[in-house]
PDB file of N, CA and C in Angstrom:
ATOM      1  N   MET A   1      73.459 107.477 161.843  1.00  0.00           N
ATOM      2  CA  MET A   1      73.003 108.952 161.906  1.00  0.00           C
ATOM      3  C   MET A   1      73.794 109.243 160.491  1.00  0.00           C
ATOM      4  N   PRO A   2      72.551 110.558 159.837  1.00  0.00           N
ATOM      5  CA  PRO A   2      73.140 110.832 158.210  1.00  0.00           C
ATOM      6  C   PRO A   2      74.240 111.680 158.765  1.00  0.00           C
ATOM      7  N   LEU A   3      74.976 112.201 157.862  1.00  0.00           N
ATOM      8  CA  LEU A   3      75.857 113.398 158.049  1.00  0.00           C
ATOM      9  C   LEU A   3      75.509 114.275 157.259  1.00  0.00           C
ATOM     10  N   THR A   4      76.146 115.388 158.426  1.00  0.00           N
ATOM     11  CA  THR A   4      75.377 116.800 157.761  1.00  0.00           C
ATOM     12  C   THR A   4      76.405 117.546 157.203  1.00  0.00           C
ATOM     13  N   ASP A   5      76.312 118.698 156.192  1.00  0.00           N
ATOM     14  CA  ASP A   5      76.891 119.380 155.178  1.00  0.00           C
ATOM     15  C   ASP A   5      77.778 120.222 155.974  1.00  0.00           C
ATOM     16  N   ILE A   6      78.003 120.219 157.613  1.00  0.00           N
ATOM     17  CA  ILE A   6      79.117 121.143 158.594  1.00  0.00           C
ATOM     18  C   ILE A   6      80.027 119.427 158.608  1.00  0.00           C
ATOM     19  N   LYS A   7      79.044 118.622 159.199  1.00  0.00           N
ATOM     20  CA  LYS A   7      80.713 117.737 159.095  1.00  0.00           C
ATOM     21  C   LYS A   7      81.366 117.431 157.940  1.00  0.00           C
ATOM     22  N   VAL A   8      80.576 117.256 156.767  1.00  0.00           N
ATOM     23  CA  VAL A   8      81.801 117.074 155.526  1.00  0.00           C
ATOM     24  C   VAL A   8      82.412 118.337 155.578  1.00  0.00           C
ATOM     25  N   LYS A   9      82.039 119.535 155.484  1.00  0.00           N
ATOM     26  CA  LYS A   9      83.228 120.380 154.844  1.00  0.00           C
ATOM     27  C   LYS A   9      84.426 120.780 156.415  1.00  0.00           C
ATOM     28  N   SER A  10      83.679 120.606 157.810  1.00  0.00           N
ATOM     29  CA  SER A  10      85.177 120.354 158.824  1.00  0.00           C
ATOM     30  C   SER A  10      85.673 119.247 159.043  1.00  0.00           C
ATOM     31  N   ALA A  11      85.742 118.345 158.353  1.00  0.00           N
ATOM     32  CA  ALA A  11      86.742 116.906 157.631  1.00  0.00           C
ATOM     33  C   ALA A  11      87.631 117.566 157.727  1.00  0.00           C
ATOM     34  N   LYS A  12      88.568 117.568 158.503  1.00  0.00           N
ATOM     35  CA  LYS A  12      90.393 117.824 158.515  1.00  0.00           C
ATOM     36  C   LYS A  12      91.238 116.545 157.975  1.00  0.00           C
ATOM     37  N   PRO A  13      92.079 116.537 157.335  1.00  0.00           N
ATOM     38  CA  PRO A  13      92.896 115.654 156.779  1.00  0.00           C
ATOM     39  C   PRO A  13      93.984 115.301 158.378  1.00  0.00           C
ATOM     40  N   GLN A  14      94.059 114.439 158.055  1.00  0.00           N
ATOM     41  CA  GLN A  14      94.672 112.967 159.391  1.00  0.00           C
ATOM     42  C   GLN A  14      95.982 112.495 158.750  1.00  0.00           C
ATOM     43  N   GLU A  15      96.798 111.804 159.133  1.00  0.00           N
ATOM     44  CA  GLU A  15      98.091 111.258 159.275  1.00  0.00           C
ATOM     45  C   GLU A  15      97.610 109.924 158.268  1.00  0.00           C
ATOM     46  N   LYS A  16      96.255 109.172 158.480  1.00  0.00           N
ATOM     47  CA  LYS A  16      95.825 107.982 157.786  1.00  0.00           C
ATOM     48  C   LYS A  16      95.175 108.396 156.861  1.00  0.00           C
ATOM     49  N   GLN A  17      94.233 108.143 156.002  1.00  0.00           N
ATOM     50  CA  GLN A  17      92.521 108.092 155.868  1.00  0.00           C
ATOM     51  C   GLN A  17      92.265 107.740 156.349  1.00  0.00           C
ATOM     52  N   TYR A  18      90.541 108.427 156.201  1.00  0.00           N
ATOM     53  CA  TYR A  18      89.358 107.689 157.339  1.00  0.00           C
ATOM     54  C   TYR A  18      88.021 108.008 156.337  1.00  0.00           C
ATOM     55  N   LYS A  19      87.359 107.018 157.057  1.00  0.00           N
ATOM     56  CA  LYS A  19      85.733 107.296 156.891  1.00  0.00           C
ATOM     57  C   LYS A  19      84.994 107.731 157.486  1.00  0.00           C
ATOM     58  N   LEU A  20      83.810 108.634 157.161  1.00  0.00           N
ATOM     59  CA  LEU A  20      82.704 109.231 157.653  1.00  0.00           C
ATOM     60  C   LEU A  20      81.556 108.474 157.134  1.00  0.00           C
ATOM     61  N   SER A  21      80.778 108.032 158.357  1.00  0.00           N
ATOM     62  CA  SER A  21      79.668 106.950 157.710  1.00  0.00           C
ATOM     63  C   SER A  21      78.802 107.962 157.454  1.00  0.00           C
ATOM     64  N   ASP A  22      77.918 107.606 156.209  1.00  0.00           N
ATOM     65  CA  ASP A  22      76.176 107.876 156.422  1.00  0.00           C
ATOM     66  C   ASP A  22      75.540 106.571 156.752  1.00  0.00           C
ATOM     67  N   ASP A  23      74.408 106.743 155.904  1.00  0.00           N
ATOM     68  CA  ASP A  23      73.174 105.650 156.245  1.00  0.00           C
ATOM     69  C   ASP A  23      73.419 105.023 154.618  1.00  0.00           C
ATOM     70  N   GLY A  24      72.692 103.519 155.288  1.00  0.00           N
ATOM     71  CA  GLY A  24      72.767 103.002 153.873  1.00  0.00           C
ATOM     72  C   GLY A  24      74.018 102.420 153.069  1.00  0.00           C
ATOM     73  N   GLY A  25      74.855 102.322 153.600  1.00  0.00           N
ATOM     74  CA  GLY A  25      76.622 101.971 152.675  1.00  0.00           C
ATOM     75  C   GLY A  25      77.474 103.436 152.633  1.00  0.00           C
ATOM     76  N   LEU A  26      76.562 104.535 152.312  1.00  0.00           N
ATOM     77  CA  LEU A  26      77.623 105.593 151.992  1.00  0.00           C
ATOM     78  C   LEU A  26      78.334 105.828 152.788  1.00  0.00           C
ATOM     79  N   TYR A  27      79.194 106.658 152.360  1.00  0.00           N
ATOM     80  CA  TYR A  27      80.526 107.401 153.220  1.00  0.00           C
ATOM     81  C   TYR A  27      81.350 108.129 153.108  1.00  0.00           C
ATOM     82  N   LEU A  28      82.447 108.954 153.335  1.00  0.00           N
ATOM     83  CA  LEU A  28      83.216 109.793 152.903  1.00  0.00           C
ATOM     84  C   LEU A  28      84.112 109.580 153.090  1.00  0.00           C
ATOM     85  N   LEU A  29      85.102 108.863 152.434  1.00  0.00           N
ATOM     86  CA  LEU A  29      86.667 109.080 152.298  1.00  0.00           C
ATOM     87  C   LEU A  29      87.369 110.129 152.610  1.00  0.00           C
ATOM     88  N   VAL A  30      88.066 110.538 153.428  1.00  0.00           N
ATOM     89  CA  VAL A  30      89.191 111.982 153.524  1.00  0.00           C
ATOM     90  C   VAL A  30      90.175 111.108 153.298  1.00  0.00           C
ATOM     91  N   HIS A  31      91.272 111.975 152.590  1.00  0.00           N
ATOM     92  CA  HIS A  31      92.761 111.386 152.351  1.00  0.00           C
ATOM     93  C   HIS A  31      93.451 112.440 153.111  1.00  0.00           C
ATOM     94  N   PRO A  32      94.719 111.970 153.528  1.00  0.00           N
ATOM     95  CA  PRO A  32      95.605 112.707 153.981  1.00  0.00           C
ATOM     96  C   PRO A  32      95.765 114.275 153.231  1.00  0.00           C
ATOM     97  N   ASN A  33      95.716 114.072 151.990  1.00  0.00           N
ATOM     98  CA  ASN A  33      95.811 115.099 151.002  1.00  0.00           C
ATOM     99  C   ASN A  33      94.786 116.172 151.190  1.00  0.00           C
ATOM    100  N   GLY A  34      93.799 116.063 151.782  1.00  0.00           N
ATOM    101  CA  GLY A  34      92.942 116.846 151.802  1.00  0.00           C
ATOM    102  C   GLY A  34      91.727 116.385 151.312  1.00  0.00           C
ATOM    103  N   SER A  35      92.007 115.653 150.108  1.00  0.00           N
ATOM    104  CA  SER A  35      90.603 115.283 149.331  1.00  0.00           C
ATOM    105  C   SER A  35      89.473 114.492 149.770  1.00  0.00           C
ATOM    106  N   LYS A  36      88.314 114.697 149.365  1.00  0.00           N
ATOM    107  CA  LYS A  36      87.053 114.052 150.069  1.00  0.00           C
ATOM    108  C   LYS A  36      86.285 113.267 148.683  1.00  0.00           C
ATOM    109  N   TYR A  37      86.173 112.123 148.957  1.00  0.00           N
ATOM    110  CA  TYR A  37      85.710 111.344 147.650  1.00  0.00           C
ATOM    111  C   TYR A  37      84.034 110.457 148.627  1.00  0.00           C
ATOM    112  N   TRP A  38      83.298 110.181 147.992  1.00  0.00           N
ATOM    113  CA  TRP A  38      82.250 109.942 148.304  1.00  0.00           C
ATOM    114  C   TRP A  38      82.453 108.302 147.798  1.00  0.00           C
ATOM    115  N   ARG A  39      81.739 107.095 148.388  1.00  0.00           N
ATOM    116  CA  ARG A  39      81.710 106.219 148.445  1.00  0.00           C
ATOM    117  C   ARG A  39      80.588 105.302 148.527  1.00  0.00           C
ATOM    118  N   LEU A  40      80.366 103.921 147.742  1.00  0.00           N
ATOM    119  CA  LEU A  40      78.897 103.805 148.368  1.00  0.00           C
ATOM    120  C   LEU A  40      79.589 102.140 148.585  1.00  0.00           C
ATOM    121  N   LYS A  41      79.290 101.176 149.414  1.00  0.00           N
ATOM    122  CA  LYS A  41      79.462 100.080 149.327  1.00  0.00           C
ATOM    123  C   LYS A  41      78.368  99.143 149.210  1.00  0.00           C
ATOM    124  N   TYR A  42      78.283  97.777 148.270  1.00  0.00           N
ATOM    125  CA  TYR A  42      77.027  97.448 147.926  1.00  0.00           C
ATOM    126  C   TYR A  42      77.426  96.127 147.551  1.00  0.00           C
ATOM    127  N   LEU A  43      76.076  95.197 147.554  1.00  0.00           N
ATOM    128  CA  LEU A  43      76.124  94.110 147.327  1.00  0.00           C
ATOM    129  C   LEU A  43      75.383  93.846 145.589  1.00  0.00           C
ATOM    130  N   PHE A  44      76.350  93.230 144.797  1.00  0.00           N
ATOM    131  CA  PHE A  44      75.614  92.687 143.822  1.00  0.00           C
ATOM    132  C   PHE A  44      75.136  90.744 143.414  1.00  0.00           C
ATOM    133  N   SER A  45      73.674  91.268 143.640  1.00  0.00           N
ATOM    134  CA  SER A  45      73.659  89.994 143.452  1.00  0.00           C
ATOM    135  C   SER A  45      73.543  89.285 142.040  1.00  0.00           C
ATOM    136  N   ARG A  46      74.190  88.348 141.614  1.00  0.00           N
ATOM    137  CA  ARG A  46      73.954  87.203 140.538  1.00  0.00           C
ATOM    138  C   ARG A  46      72.578  86.922 140.489  1.00  0.00           C
TER     139      ARG A  46
END
């Protein structure tokens, strides 16, 4: 299920960093200091 704007904005920091998954390898990484980073997990074929 894709992340919504409300879920992203309401993500609160916790003791450890955690991920909120989206579709296609995209996820939001929430750090304990409150910062949020978008990350994309992908494979690069040779």
